């Protein structure tokens, strides 16, 4: 088995707090940005190639996770109507 896809990656205390404060609705501007960056880059692994040789199910799972990160980025780039 390749990557540990079901393990929460190592996060800094600052990243954990930023996500928690976003959830509680008390995050500062900087914490909001840090929370989204952490979710996109570390949790959704948006820039990682989702391929595991010999493990198509794991590769499909990773591709779905990566897709979520890419969708969040697309929404952030959208212009408001």
Protein backbone atom coordinates (compact mmCIF):
# COMPACT_ATOMS: atom_id res chain seq x y z
CA UNK A 1 0.00 0.00 0.00
CA UNK A 2 1.26 3.47 -0.88
CA UNK A 3 0.23 6.63 0.86
CA UNK A 4 -1.66 6.67 4.10
CA UNK A 5 -4.75 8.28 2.58
CA UNK A 6 -6.92 7.69 5.62
CA UNK A 7 -4.53 9.39 8.06
CA UNK A 8 -4.90 13.10 8.86
CA UNK A 9 -1.66 14.72 7.72
CA UNK A 10 0.57 16.46 10.22
CA UNK A 11 -0.90 19.90 10.81
CA UNK A 12 0.57 22.76 12.78
CA UNK A 13 -1.26 24.05 15.83
CA UNK A 14 -1.95 27.22 13.84
CA UNK A 15 -3.58 25.24 10.99
CA UNK A 16 -5.73 23.25 13.41
CA UNK A 17 -6.85 26.40 15.21
CA UNK A 18 -7.59 28.18 11.93
CA UNK A 19 -9.92 25.37 10.81
CA UNK A 20 -11.62 25.22 14.20
CA UNK A 21 -12.13 29.00 14.33
CA UNK A 22 -13.62 28.94 10.81
CA UNK A 23 -16.07 26.28 11.95
CA UNK A 24 -17.00 28.35 15.01
CA UNK A 25 -17.35 31.53 12.95
CA UNK A 26 -14.66 33.34 14.93
CA UNK A 27 -11.72 33.19 12.51
CA UNK A 28 -9.73 36.29 11.62
CA UNK A 29 -9.10 37.12 7.96
CA UNK A 30 -5.70 35.42 8.17
CA UNK A 31 -7.14 32.32 9.84
CA UNK A 32 -9.83 32.03 7.18
CA UNK A 33 -7.20 32.06 4.43
CA UNK A 34 -4.97 29.64 6.32
CA UNK A 35 -7.89 27.27 6.91
CA UNK A 36 -8.80 27.14 3.21
CA UNK A 37 -5.17 26.73 2.18
CA UNK A 38 -4.79 23.86 4.65
CA UNK A 39 -8.00 22.19 3.47
CA UNK A 40 -7.06 22.53 -0.21
CA UNK A 41 -3.35 21.71 0.01
CA UNK A 42 -2.98 19.32 2.94
CA UNK A 43 -6.37 17.64 3.41
CA UNK A 44 -7.67 17.52 -0.18
CA UNK A 45 -4.14 17.28 -1.64
CA UNK A 46 -5.30 19.20 -4.70
CA UNK A 47 -1.87 19.19 -6.37
CA UNK A 48 -1.00 15.52 -5.82
CA UNK A 49 -1.33 13.06 -8.68
CA UNK A 50 -3.94 10.57 -7.52
CA UNK A 51 -2.37 7.36 -8.75
CA UNK A 52 -1.42 4.27 -6.80
CA UNK A 53 0.10 1.51 -8.95
CA UNK A 54 -1.83 -1.73 -8.50
CA UNK A 55 -4.47 -0.09 -6.30
CA UNK A 56 -7.26 1.29 -8.53
CA UNK A 57 -9.69 1.75 -5.63
CA UNK A 58 -7.18 3.77 -3.65
CA UNK A 59 -6.36 5.82 -6.75
CA UNK A 60 -10.06 6.54 -7.32
CA UNK A 61 -10.48 7.62 -3.70
CA UNK A 62 -7.50 9.95 -3.95
CA UNK A 63 -8.82 11.40 -7.22
CA UNK A 64 -12.12 12.23 -5.52
CA UNK A 65 -10.34 13.93 -2.66
CA UNK A 66 -8.18 15.94 -5.08
CA UNK A 67 -11.31 16.93 -7.03
CA UNK A 68 -12.78 18.56 -3.93
CA UNK A 69 -9.70 20.75 -3.49
CA UNK A 70 -9.76 21.77 -7.14
CA UNK A 71 -13.47 22.63 -6.95
CA UNK A 72 -12.86 24.87 -3.93
CA UNK A 73 -10.15 26.68 -5.90
CA UNK A 74 -12.55 27.13 -8.84
CA UNK A 75 -15.19 28.65 -6.59
CA UNK A 76 -12.62 31.02 -5.07
CA UNK A 77 -11.73 32.24 -8.59
CA UNK A 78 -15.35 32.79 -9.64
CA UNK A 79 -16.60 36.33 -10.03
CA UNK A 80 -19.59 37.29 -7.94
CA UNK A 81 -22.83 37.81 -9.84
